[in-house]
Amino acid sequence: MTNTITTSRDTMAPIAASTAAVLDDAHIGDIQGAFGTIKLDDTAPRQGLSAKLKTLLAIVGPGLIVMVGDNDAGAFSTYGQAGQNYGTHLLWTLLLLVPVLYVNQEMVLRLGAVTGVGHARLILERFGKFWGAFSVIDLFLLNALTLVTEFIGVTLAAGYLGLPKVLSVILAAAIIIASAFTGSFRRFERVAISLCVGSLLLVPIYFMVHPKTSQMAHDFVVPNMPGGSGQLATVMLLIISIVGTTVAPWQLFFQQSYVIDKRITPRFMKYEKIDLWIGIVIVVVGAAAMMGLTAAAFAGTDGFGQFSDAAGVAKGLEAHAGKLVGVLFAIALLDASIIGAFAVSLSTAYAIGDVFGIKHSLHRGVGGAKGFYAVYAGLVVAAAAIVLVSSDHTLGLLTQGVQVLAGVLLPSASVFLLLLCNDKEALGPWVNGPKTNAFTSAVVGVLVTLSIILTASVLFPDISSGAILDIMAGCGVVGVLVAGYSFTRRRTATKEDPIDRTGRENWRMPPLETLAVPVMSRTRKVGMGALRTYLLVAMILVVVKLVQVALGH
């Protein structure tokens, strides 16, 4: 028995009842990528280089946009600070983050392609209303603040270029809104990928500045903690900022929903993984270029170790290599701010649509998805207005708040991702294997440790290096104990219930209402309860601290 679902601007498509888990019928139909189309009924095997290349060109987009979008205004600030204050000594953090980026985003794209349901909706259905509401509210607030930082980036770039602040912000907001309001997924993706290409502007800037390639290569592969033990606290906070700006919670929600909206199914998984690797390479190259060119521009100058903001970096580049380099850097910052705003706004609109059952697809026109576009445009307008009416001091505080809250909340996003990717009802033969679980669990442990350090440093600005080392040691001991317990339980479970992965290319998650309600073990309940308590307490303490700073106490 089959259900017939009418797709937006597509022909009628017969979809088996067991595979109709999608929440918006516009998510079923032809794949209409920026560089090609794959028909819904095109099931022919891809044979030959030409056929495979055409398929890749049609698929490319989700991984590229989510990765490049992460090199946004906040990233320019974080990587610029690392380069200006510590040279290239922290480049090694980027290399360590590559496997983290890939594993996290691979799990998300797998969830999207297999389930056809967004991240927020899966959390709501599989873990209950509390965690579903928590994840959406958390995402909404954090994304709203992140969007403000994108417009701060617009003002910094415009200020350096000599453009009026008000006009620049209004024009940027108009471009961001208009690009999504076309009612065409393909047109939006073409604009977004054009901006991704614009991010490569950092490469010629790098060669114009001439950083020391040999030093860059050394620092990329050899870990180094600059400044000695006396600056451990400061350096650790910057490393946490690098992790937070590179592995951001909004990425998980955006990638999963965008894969669904592009109508990508499991049989195109290998092409989407290539797309993801392309994005990772570009984001790492861009981040390394920013650290390298900033380090070269400020080495041996009075500005070394005195980072202020991205506009200050542009001025330093101008002093070192000429006005053209400064202008190109400002244009790259403007480009990054706009694509970051695209992705952050969309991730929120997708999540709201998923949870509240609102039609949510770029394939629909404004009239066919009023709520979806209202959320998207409302966020953009609100963020632009906040930047226009706020003082520089307030905007600086907002930027600090975004970094702190992102660091505090990052572990929870990874925990839910790991749990969802072990949900056999939802992923069937696509659930995680033991190696992926072991790696991801280790990553979660590191993120929890960094989150605790960040929270402690905000609450106690004079925290000592010894206290930070004690926190790391304590978390390490707890992590080893938890890992040992989990390994023992998982080894037993694997022997009793091995994973059958046969026929997985054609397997899709059944409708959510047909899935068995997951039963949480006592251990998981205790762990989730502990996570809930920590997040609530940490968020309250951080907000109180930020309010105190704002009031001048």
Protein backbone atom coordinates (compact mmCIF):
# COMPACT_ATOMS: atom_id res chain seq x y z
CA MET A 1 0.00 0.00 0.00
CA THR A 2 1.37 3.42 -0.85
CA ASN A 3 0.63 7.03 0.02
CA THR A 4 0.69 9.62 -2.78
CA ILE A 5 2.24 12.91 -1.73
CA THR A 6 2.04 16.04 -3.86
CA THR A 7 5.35 17.85 -3.99
CA SER A 8 5.85 21.57 -4.47
CA ARG A 9 6.42 22.32 -8.16
CA ASP A 10 7.00 18.61 -8.78
CA THR A 11 4.97 15.75 -10.14
CA MET A 12 3.04 13.36 -7.96
CA ALA A 13 5.40 10.93 -6.24
CA PRO A 14 4.42 7.51 -4.87
CA ILE A 15 6.02 7.13 -1.44
CA ALA A 16 5.76 3.91 0.51
CA ALA A 17 3.92 4.31 3.80
CA SER A 18 6.91 2.92 5.68
CA THR A 19 9.09 5.74 4.35
CA ALA A 20 6.73 8.70 4.78
CA ALA A 21 8.34 10.13 7.91
CA VAL A 22 8.87 13.59 6.37
CA LEU A 23 6.90 16.40 8.02
CA ASP A 24 6.65 18.69 4.98
CA ASP A 25 5.64 17.27 1.58
CA ALA A 26 7.91 19.81 -0.13
CA HIS A 27 10.80 17.70 1.17
CA ILE A 28 9.95 14.97 -1.33
CA GLY A 29 10.74 15.32 -5.03
CA ASP A 30 13.59 16.08 -7.40
CA ILE A 31 16.93 17.15 -5.95
CA GLN A 32 17.33 20.68 -7.35
CA GLY A 33 20.89 21.66 -6.52
CA ALA A 34 22.77 24.77 -7.54
CA PHE A 35 24.66 22.87 -10.26
CA GLY A 36 22.29 20.14 -11.36
CA THR A 37 19.08 18.16 -10.91
CA ILE A 38 18.47 14.54 -9.96
CA LYS A 39 14.96 13.32 -10.77
CA LEU A 40 13.02 11.51 -8.05
CA ASP A 41 12.58 8.45 -10.27
CA ASP A 42 16.25 8.43 -11.33
CA THR A 43 17.48 5.24 -9.67
CA ALA A 44 20.10 4.28 -12.25
CA PRO A 45 23.56 3.39 -10.90
CA ARG A 46 26.25 6.04 -11.43
CA GLN A 47 28.82 4.48 -13.76
CA GLY A 48 31.73 6.39 -15.21
CA LEU A 49 33.52 9.51 -14.02
CA SER A 50 31.20 11.91 -15.87
CA ALA A 51 28.03 10.50 -14.28
CA LYS A 52 29.56 10.53 -10.82
CA LEU A 53 30.79 14.09 -11.24
CA LYS A 54 27.36 15.31 -12.38
CA THR A 55 25.78 13.64 -9.36
CA LEU A 56 28.29 15.26 -7.01
CA LEU A 57 27.65 18.68 -8.53
CA ALA A 58 23.91 18.26 -7.93
CA ILE A 59 24.44 17.08 -4.35
CA VAL A 60 27.12 19.55 -3.24
CA GLY A 61 25.84 22.29 -0.94
CA PRO A 62 24.80 21.24 2.58
CA GLY A 63 28.27 20.30 3.84
CA LEU A 64 29.95 23.18 2.03
CA ILE A 65 27.54 25.84 3.32
CA VAL A 66 27.45 24.62 6.93
CA MET A 67 31.25 24.53 7.12
CA VAL A 68 31.99 27.83 5.38
CA GLY A 69 29.14 29.46 7.28
CA ASP A 70 31.01 28.58 10.45
CA ASN A 71 33.91 30.83 9.39
CA ASP A 72 31.66 33.78 10.19
CA ALA A 73 32.19 37.13 11.95
CA GLY A 74 32.80 35.39 15.28
CA ALA A 75 35.41 33.17 13.66
CA PHE A 76 37.21 36.17 12.17
CA SER A 77 37.40 37.62 15.67
CA THR A 78 38.55 34.39 17.33
CA TYR A 79 41.16 33.39 14.73
CA GLY A 80 42.32 37.00 14.47
CA GLN A 81 42.83 37.12 18.22
CA ALA A 82 44.79 33.86 18.15
CA GLY A 83 47.09 35.15 15.39
CA GLN A 84 47.58 38.66 16.77
CA ASN A 85 48.18 37.59 20.37
CA TYR A 86 50.00 34.27 19.95
CA GLY A 87 51.25 34.08 16.38
CA THR A 88 50.72 30.69 14.77
CA HIS A 89 51.29 28.69 17.97
CA LEU A 90 47.63 27.59 18.18
CA LEU A 91 47.32 26.30 14.61
CA TRP A 92 47.47 22.72 15.92
CA THR A 93 43.97 23.11 17.40
CA LEU A 94 42.57 23.22 13.85
CA LEU A 95 44.14 19.89 12.95
CA LEU A 96 42.69 18.25 16.06
CA LEU A 97 39.24 19.62 15.22
CA VAL A 98 39.14 18.08 11.72
CA PRO A 99 38.00 14.59 12.86
CA VAL A 100 35.56 16.21 15.32
CA LEU A 101 34.01 18.27 12.53
CA TYR A 102 33.70 15.28 10.24
CA VAL A 103 32.26 12.82 12.75
CA ASN A 104 29.72 15.30 14.15
CA GLN A 105 28.50 16.49 10.76
CA GLU A 106 28.53 12.99 9.23
CA MET A 107 26.19 11.81 11.97
CA VAL A 108 23.90 14.78 11.35
CA LEU A 109 23.72 14.31 7.59
CA ARG A 110 23.04 10.61 8.20
CA LEU A 111 20.16 11.52 10.52
CA GLY A 112 18.74 13.90 7.92
CA ALA A 113 18.99 11.58 4.93
CA VAL A 114 17.63 8.52 6.78
CA THR A 115 14.90 10.01 8.98
CA GLY A 116 13.63 12.94 6.89
CA VAL A 117 12.93 14.74 10.18
CA GLY A 118 14.78 17.71 11.65
CA HIS A 119 17.07 17.58 14.68
CA ALA A 120 14.75 19.46 17.04
CA ARG A 121 11.76 17.27 16.14
CA LEU A 122 13.70 14.06 16.73
CA ILE A 123 14.79 15.28 20.17
CA LEU A 124 11.19 16.20 21.01
CA GLU A 125 9.77 12.86 19.89
CA ARG A 126 12.50 10.58 21.23
CA PHE A 127 13.38 12.32 24.52
CA GLY A 128 10.18 14.10 25.52
CA LYS A 129 8.71 17.59 25.59
CA PHE A 130 11.16 18.98 28.15
CA TRP A 131 14.25 18.27 26.11
CA GLY A 132 12.50 19.20 22.87
CA ALA A 133 11.50 22.58 24.31
CA PHE A 134 14.92 23.01 25.89
CA SER A 135 16.72 22.36 22.62
CA VAL A 136 14.55 24.78 20.62
CA ILE A 137 14.61 27.57 23.23
CA ASP A 138 18.35 27.09 23.66
CA LEU A 139 18.87 27.21 19.89
CA PHE A 140 16.58 30.21 19.43
CA LEU A 141 18.27 32.37 22.07
CA LEU A 142 21.81 31.37 21.13
CA ASN A 143 21.16 31.84 17.41
CA ALA A 144 19.56 35.23 18.01
CA LEU A 145 22.68 36.37 19.84
CA THR A 146 24.94 34.80 17.21
CA LEU A 147 23.02 36.66 14.51
CA VAL A 148 23.75 39.92 16.33
CA THR A 149 27.48 39.15 16.11
CA GLU A 150 27.10 38.67 12.34
CA PHE A 151 25.74 42.21 12.02
CA ILE A 152 28.51 43.45 14.30
CA GLY A 153 30.85 41.99 11.67
CA VAL A 154 28.96 43.92 8.99
CA THR A 155 29.44 47.20 10.90
CA LEU A 156 33.16 46.54 11.44
CA ALA A 157 33.72 45.80 7.75
CA ALA A 158 31.61 48.79 6.66
CA GLY A 159 33.40 51.08 9.10
CA TYR A 160 36.81 50.14 7.71
CA LEU A 161 35.58 50.59 4.14
CA GLY A 162 34.18 54.03 5.01
CA LEU A 163 30.54 53.05 4.43
CA PRO A 164 27.70 54.44 6.59
CA LYS A 165 26.74 52.07 9.41
CA VAL A 166 22.95 52.37 9.16
CA LEU A 167 22.81 51.95 5.40
CA SER A 168 25.24 49.01 5.47
CA VAL A 169 23.26 47.12 8.11
CA ILE A 170 19.93 47.74 6.35
CA LEU A 171 21.35 46.68 2.98
CA ALA A 172 22.90 43.52 4.45
CA ALA A 173 19.61 42.59 6.14
CA ALA A 174 17.74 43.16 2.87
CA ILE A 175 20.14 40.89 0.95
CA ILE A 176 19.89 38.16 3.59
CA ILE A 177 16.08 38.24 3.56
CA ALA A 178 15.62 38.64 -0.20
CA SER A 179 17.92 35.69 -1.01
CA ALA A 180 15.68 33.31 0.94
CA PHE A 181 12.35 34.80 -0.16
CA THR A 182 12.57 33.69 -3.80
CA GLY A 183 10.54 30.50 -3.29
CA SER A 184 13.32 28.59 -5.07
CA PHE A 185 15.72 26.29 -3.24
CA ARG A 186 18.08 26.37 -6.22
CA ARG A 187 18.31 30.17 -6.32
CA PHE A 188 19.04 30.34 -2.60
CA GLU A 189 21.73 27.68 -2.87
CA ARG A 190 23.39 29.46 -5.78
CA VAL A 191 23.61 32.66 -3.74
CA ALA A 192 24.94 30.78 -0.72
CA ILE A 193 27.58 28.90 -2.72
CA SER A 194 28.64 32.14 -4.42
CA LEU A 195 29.32 33.53 -0.95
CA CYS A 196 31.24 30.34 -0.10
CA VAL A 197 33.46 30.99 -3.13
CA GLY A 198 33.91 34.54 -1.86
CA SER A 199 35.38 33.14 1.35
CA LEU A 200 38.36 31.92 -0.70
CA LEU A 201 39.42 35.57 -0.86
CA LEU A 202 41.48 34.79 2.25
CA VAL A 203 43.86 32.69 0.14
CA PRO A 204 45.25 35.53 -2.05
CA ILE A 205 45.37 37.75 1.05
CA TYR A 206 47.53 35.09 2.69
CA PHE A 207 50.03 35.12 -0.18
CA MET A 208 50.06 38.92 -0.30
CA VAL A 209 50.98 39.05 3.40
CA HIS A 210 53.65 36.30 3.10
CA PRO A 211 53.53 34.42 6.45
CA LYS A 212 56.41 32.01 7.12
CA THR A 213 55.21 28.76 5.55
CA SER A 214 57.76 26.61 7.39
CA GLN A 215 56.66 27.99 10.77
CA MET A 216 53.01 27.50 9.84
CA ALA A 217 53.64 23.88 8.86
CA HIS A 218 55.48 23.23 12.13
CA ASP A 219 52.83 24.79 14.35
CA PHE A 220 50.06 23.02 12.47
CA VAL A 221 51.29 19.57 13.50
CA VAL A 222 53.24 20.24 16.73
CA PRO A 223 51.07 21.21 19.76
CA ASN A 224 52.33 24.23 21.67
CA MET A 225 50.94 26.20 24.62
CA PRO A 226 52.28 29.75 24.21
CA GLY A 227 53.02 32.03 27.16
CA GLY A 228 53.99 29.38 29.70
CA SER A 229 52.08 28.34 32.83
CA GLY A 230 51.42 31.95 33.80
CA GLN A 231 49.11 32.42 30.82
CA LEU A 232 47.51 28.98 30.86
CA ALA A 233 44.10 30.32 31.88
CA THR A 234 44.07 32.94 29.11
CA VAL A 235 45.26 30.50 26.45
CA MET A 236 42.78 27.84 27.54
CA LEU A 237 39.92 30.31 27.17
CA LEU A 238 41.05 31.15 23.65
CA ILE A 239 41.28 27.46 22.77
CA ILE A 240 37.74 27.00 24.07
CA SER A 241 36.65 29.91 21.87
CA ILE A 242 38.29 28.23 18.86
CA VAL A 243 36.43 25.01 19.62
CA GLY A 244 33.16 26.88 20.16
CA THR A 245 33.41 28.85 16.91
CA THR A 246 34.46 25.78 14.91
CA VAL A 247 31.99 23.24 16.36
CA ALA A 248 28.87 25.36 16.94
CA PRO A 249 25.48 23.93 18.05
CA TRP A 250 23.56 25.62 15.21
CA GLN A 251 25.54 23.58 12.68
CA LEU A 252 23.83 20.36 13.77
CA PHE A 253 20.32 21.75 13.31
CA PHE A 254 21.16 23.48 10.03
CA GLN A 255 22.90 20.55 8.33
CA GLN A 256 20.20 18.01 9.17
CA SER A 257 17.33 20.23 8.03
CA TYR A 258 19.12 21.45 4.92
CA VAL A 259 19.87 17.87 3.83
CA ILE A 260 16.17 17.12 4.24
CA ASP A 261 15.07 20.25 2.39
CA LYS A 262 17.41 19.37 -0.48
CA ARG A 263 15.68 15.96 -0.60
CA ILE A 264 18.87 13.94 -0.22
CA THR A 265 18.28 10.24 0.54
CA PRO A 266 20.63 7.53 1.89
CA ARG A 267 21.66 6.33 -1.56
CA PHE A 268 23.53 9.62 -2.10
CA MET A 269 25.34 9.41 1.23
CA LYS A 270 28.82 8.96 -0.24
CA TYR A 271 28.41 12.08 -2.39
CA GLU A 272 27.24 14.11 0.59
CA LYS A 273 30.30 12.94 2.54
CA ILE A 274 32.52 14.28 -0.25
CA ASP A 275 30.59 17.56 -0.06
CA LEU A 276 31.27 17.63 3.68
CA TRP A 277 35.00 17.05 3.17
CA ILE A 278 35.13 19.89 0.64
CA GLY A 279 33.59 22.18 3.24
CA ILE A 280 35.97 21.01 5.98
CA VAL A 281 39.03 21.62 3.79
CA ILE A 282 37.84 25.14 2.93
CA VAL A 283 37.02 26.03 6.53
CA VAL A 284 40.36 24.78 7.86
CA VAL A 285 42.31 26.50 5.08
CA GLY A 286 40.43 29.73 5.80
CA ALA A 287 40.98 29.50 9.55
CA ALA A 288 44.69 28.72 9.13
CA ALA A 289 45.06 31.57 6.65
CA MET A 290 43.48 34.01 9.12
CA MET A 291 45.82 32.94 11.92
CA GLY A 292 48.85 33.03 9.62
CA LEU A 293 48.24 36.38 7.95
CA THR A 294 47.32 38.04 11.26
CA ALA A 295 50.43 36.64 12.93
CA ALA A 296 52.62 37.94 10.10
CA ALA A 297 51.00 41.39 10.11
CA PHE A 298 51.51 42.01 13.83
CA ALA A 299 54.79 40.19 14.51
CA GLY A 300 57.35 42.61 15.98
CA THR A 301 54.86 45.51 16.20
CA ASP A 302 53.29 47.33 19.15
CA GLY A 303 49.98 45.71 18.20
CA PHE A 304 51.21 42.18 18.92
CA GLY A 305 49.23 40.78 21.86
CA GLN A 306 46.80 43.72 21.76
CA PHE A 307 43.82 42.32 19.84
CA SER A 308 40.75 44.57 19.75
CA ASP A 309 38.45 43.44 16.92
CA ALA A 310 38.39 42.37 13.26
CA ALA A 311 38.55 46.00 12.11
CA GLY A 312 41.80 46.35 14.03
CA VAL A 313 43.12 43.33 12.14
CA ALA A 314 42.25 45.01 8.83
CA LYS A 315 44.17 48.13 9.89
CA GLY A 316 47.17 46.03 10.89
CA LEU A 317 47.13 44.26 7.54
CA GLU A 318 47.00 47.63 5.79
CA ALA A 319 50.02 48.87 7.75
CA HIS A 320 51.92 45.67 6.94
CA ALA A 321 51.01 44.99 3.30
CA GLY A 322 49.10 47.98 1.93
CA LYS A 323 45.57 49.34 1.64
CA LEU A 324 44.44 46.73 -0.90
CA VAL A 325 45.05 43.89 1.57
CA GLY A 326 43.05 45.68 4.26
CA VAL A 327 40.16 46.27 1.86
CA LEU A 328 40.13 42.65 0.70
CA PHE A 329 40.10 41.46 4.32
CA ALA A 330 37.15 43.75 5.10
CA ILE A 331 35.27 42.40 2.06
CA ALA A 332 35.99 38.84 3.22
CA LEU A 333 34.64 39.75 6.68
CA LEU A 334 31.49 41.19 5.12
CA ASP A 335 31.04 38.05 3.01
CA ALA A 336 31.53 35.81 6.06
CA SER A 337 29.05 37.80 8.13
CA ILE A 338 26.32 37.49 5.49
CA ILE A 339 26.73 33.76 4.88
CA GLY A 340 26.87 33.18 8.64
CA ALA A 341 23.60 35.10 8.99
CA PHE A 342 22.06 32.96 6.22
CA ALA A 343 22.88 29.71 7.99
CA VAL A 344 22.06 30.77 11.55
CA SER A 345 18.67 32.25 10.58
CA LEU A 346 17.74 29.19 8.53
CA SER A 347 18.69 26.74 11.28
CA THR A 348 16.29 28.51 13.64
CA ALA A 349 13.44 28.75 11.13
CA TYR A 350 13.82 25.06 10.24
CA ALA A 351 13.78 24.04 13.92
CA ILE A 352 10.69 26.13 14.72
CA GLY A 353 8.91 24.67 11.68
CA ASP A 354 9.85 21.13 12.71
CA VAL A 355 8.61 21.43 16.27
CA PHE A 356 5.40 23.38 15.66
CA GLY A 357 4.37 21.64 12.44
CA ILE A 358 4.75 24.75 10.31
CA LYS A 359 5.50 24.26 6.62
CA HIS A 360 9.20 24.89 6.35
CA SER A 361 10.96 24.62 3.02
CA LEU A 362 12.88 26.89 0.66
CA HIS A 363 10.99 25.15 -2.15
CA ARG A 364 7.86 26.99 -1.05
CA GLY A 365 7.05 30.60 -1.77
CA VAL A 366 6.30 33.05 1.02
CA GLY A 367 2.58 32.43 0.65
CA GLY A 368 3.04 28.70 1.13
CA ALA A 369 5.17 28.93 4.29
CA LYS A 370 4.32 32.22 6.00
CA GLY A 371 5.42 31.14 9.47
CA PHE A 372 8.75 29.80 8.27
CA TYR A 373 9.66 32.99 6.43
CA ALA A 374 8.30 35.16 9.25
CA VAL A 375 10.68 33.53 11.74
CA TYR A 376 13.59 33.88 9.32
CA ALA A 377 12.93 37.53 8.52
CA GLY A 378 11.98 38.41 12.10
CA LEU A 379 15.32 37.17 13.43
CA VAL A 380 17.26 39.10 10.80
CA VAL A 381 15.34 42.35 11.39
CA ALA A 382 15.60 42.05 15.18
CA ALA A 383 19.36 41.42 15.08
CA ALA A 384 19.92 44.34 12.70
CA ALA A 385 17.84 46.64 14.92
CA ILE A 386 19.75 45.63 18.07
CA VAL A 387 23.06 46.46 16.40
CA LEU A 388 21.79 49.83 15.19
CA VAL A 389 20.44 50.99 18.58
CA SER A 390 23.10 49.50 20.87
CA SER A 391 26.32 51.07 22.09
CA ASP A 392 29.72 49.57 21.34
CA HIS A 393 30.02 48.50 24.99
CA THR A 394 26.70 46.63 24.85
CA LEU A 395 27.62 44.95 21.57
CA GLY A 396 30.94 43.85 23.08
CA LEU A 397 29.04 42.33 26.00
CA LEU A 398 26.68 40.53 23.63
CA THR A 399 29.65 39.08 21.75
CA GLN A 400 31.09 37.84 25.03
CA GLY A 401 27.73 36.35 26.00
CA VAL A 402 27.47 34.42 22.74
CA GLN A 403 30.90 32.85 23.19
CA VAL A 404 30.22 31.93 26.81
CA LEU A 405 26.76 30.44 26.27
CA ALA A 406 27.89 28.53 23.18
CA GLY A 407 30.73 27.00 25.17
CA VAL A 408 28.44 26.08 28.06
CA LEU A 409 25.72 24.53 25.87
CA LEU A 410 27.91 22.79 23.30
CA PRO A 411 28.19 19.45 25.16
CA SER A 412 24.40 18.99 25.33
CA ALA A 413 24.11 19.21 21.54
CA SER A 414 26.75 16.51 21.12
CA VAL A 415 25.11 14.27 23.75
CA PHE A 416 21.74 14.35 21.95
CA LEU A 417 23.47 13.72 18.63
CA LEU A 418 25.20 10.65 20.01
CA LEU A 419 22.00 9.29 21.56
CA LEU A 420 19.99 9.82 18.37
CA CYS A 421 22.63 8.04 16.29
CA ASN A 422 22.28 5.00 18.56
CA ASP A 423 18.48 4.93 18.27
CA LYS A 424 17.77 1.75 16.28
CA GLU A 425 14.10 2.61 15.88
CA ALA A 426 15.04 5.84 14.08
CA LEU A 427 18.18 4.82 12.19
CA GLY A 428 17.86 1.06 11.84
CA PRO A 429 20.90 -0.24 9.93
CA TRP A 430 22.42 3.27 9.94
CA VAL A 431 23.11 3.45 13.69
CA ASN A 432 26.63 4.18 14.91
CA GLY A 433 29.26 1.49 15.08
CA PRO A 434 31.49 0.95 18.16
CA LYS A 435 34.39 3.05 16.82
CA THR A 436 32.21 6.07 16.08
CA ASN A 437 30.61 5.80 19.52
CA ALA A 438 33.97 5.57 21.25
CA PHE A 439 35.34 8.61 19.41
CA THR A 440 32.22 10.69 19.88
CA SER A 441 32.03 9.82 23.58
CA ALA A 442 35.61 10.99 24.01
CA VAL A 443 34.76 14.24 22.19
CA VAL A 444 31.75 14.77 24.48
CA GLY A 445 34.01 14.27 27.49
CA VAL A 446 36.45 16.89 26.22
CA LEU A 447 33.61 19.32 25.45
CA VAL A 448 32.15 18.89 28.94
CA THR A 449 35.57 19.59 30.45
CA LEU A 450 36.03 22.74 28.33
CA SER A 451 32.49 23.86 29.16
CA ILE A 452 33.16 23.54 32.91
CA ILE A 453 36.45 25.44 32.57
CA LEU A 454 34.72 28.20 30.62
CA THR A 455 31.90 28.48 33.15
CA ALA A 456 34.37 28.60 36.04
CA SER A 457 36.49 31.26 34.33
CA VAL A 458 33.44 33.49 33.73
CA LEU A 459 32.30 33.19 37.32
CA PHE A 460 35.83 33.53 38.71
CA PRO A 461 37.85 35.77 36.35
CA ASP A 462 41.00 35.36 38.48
CA ILE A 463 40.96 31.57 38.32
CA SER A 464 44.47 30.16 38.54
CA SER A 465 46.21 27.81 36.15
CA GLY A 466 46.39 25.25 38.96
CA ALA A 467 42.61 25.31 39.36
CA ILE A 468 42.16 24.75 35.62
CA LEU A 469 44.53 21.78 35.73
CA ASP A 470 42.61 20.38 38.72
CA ILE A 471 39.34 20.65 36.77
CA MET A 472 40.91 18.88 33.80
CA ALA A 473 42.32 16.12 36.02
CA GLY A 474 39.01 15.61 37.82
CA CYS A 475 37.06 15.44 34.57
CA GLY A 476 39.66 13.03 33.19
CA VAL A 477 39.21 10.62 36.10
CA VAL A 478 35.42 10.74 35.82
CA GLY A 479 35.70 10.24 32.06
CA VAL A 480 37.86 7.13 32.42
CA LEU A 481 35.42 5.61 34.93
CA VAL A 482 32.40 6.36 32.74
CA ALA A 483 34.19 5.03 29.65
CA GLY A 484 35.07 1.78 31.42
CA TYR A 485 31.49 1.25 32.57
CA SER A 486 30.05 2.10 29.14
CA PHE A 487 32.52 -0.18 27.35
CA THR A 488 31.55 -3.12 29.53
CA ARG A 489 27.83 -2.60 28.97
CA ARG A 490 28.17 -1.97 25.22
CA ARG A 491 30.36 -5.03 24.70
CA THR A 492 27.69 -7.21 26.27
CA ALA A 493 24.90 -5.55 24.29
CA THR A 494 26.77 -5.93 20.99
CA LYS A 495 27.16 -9.66 21.52
CA GLU A 496 23.48 -10.05 22.23
CA ASP A 497 22.13 -7.73 19.51
CA PRO A 498 24.47 -7.29 16.52
CA ILE A 499 23.67 -4.62 13.92
CA ASP A 500 22.24 -5.88 10.63
CA ARG A 501 23.25 -3.39 7.90
CA THR A 502 21.91 -5.27 4.88
CA GLY A 503 19.83 -3.23 2.44
CA ARG A 504 20.47 0.03 4.23
CA GLU A 505 20.64 2.16 1.06
CA ASN A 506 16.87 1.75 0.69
CA TRP A 507 16.01 1.97 4.39
CA ARG A 508 14.20 5.09 5.67
CA MET A 509 12.76 5.81 9.09
CA PRO A 510 9.05 4.93 9.38
CA PRO A 511 6.62 7.66 10.49
CA LEU A 512 7.45 8.91 13.98
CA GLU A 513 4.10 7.88 15.43
CA THR A 514 4.78 4.24 14.53
CA LEU A 515 8.08 4.03 16.41
CA ALA A 516 8.27 2.32 19.78
CA VAL A 517 8.78 4.75 22.65
CA PRO A 518 12.42 4.52 23.77
CA VAL A 519 12.95 3.14 27.26
CA MET A 520 15.68 4.96 29.13
CA SER A 521 17.90 2.93 31.45
CA ARG A 522 18.51 4.09 35.02
CA THR A 523 22.07 5.03 34.12
CA ARG A 524 20.94 7.20 31.23
CA LYS A 525 18.27 8.86 33.38
CA VAL A 526 20.89 9.73 35.99
CA GLY A 527 23.24 11.03 33.31
CA MET A 528 20.54 13.11 31.61
CA GLY A 529 19.43 14.46 34.97
CA ALA A 530 22.97 15.47 35.82
CA LEU A 531 23.37 17.15 32.44
CA ARG A 532 20.05 18.99 32.88
CA THR A 533 21.06 20.25 36.32
CA TYR A 534 24.50 21.38 35.18
CA LEU A 535 23.15 23.22 32.14
CA LEU A 536 20.44 25.04 34.08
CA VAL A 537 22.77 26.06 36.92
CA ALA A 538 25.58 27.08 34.57
CA MET A 539 23.26 29.13 32.35
CA ILE A 540 21.75 30.96 35.32
CA LEU A 541 25.17 31.73 36.84
CA VAL A 542 26.57 32.95 33.52
CA VAL A 543 23.56 35.18 32.83
CA VAL A 544 23.79 36.66 36.34
CA LYS A 545 27.48 37.36 35.81
CA LEU A 546 26.86 39.05 32.47
CA VAL A 547 24.09 41.21 33.96
CA GLN A 548 26.44 42.26 36.75
CA VAL A 549 29.04 43.29 34.19
CA ALA A 550 26.42 45.22 32.22
CA LEU A 551 25.33 47.10 35.35
CA GLY A 552 28.93 47.91 36.21
CA HIS A 553 29.16 45.84 39.41
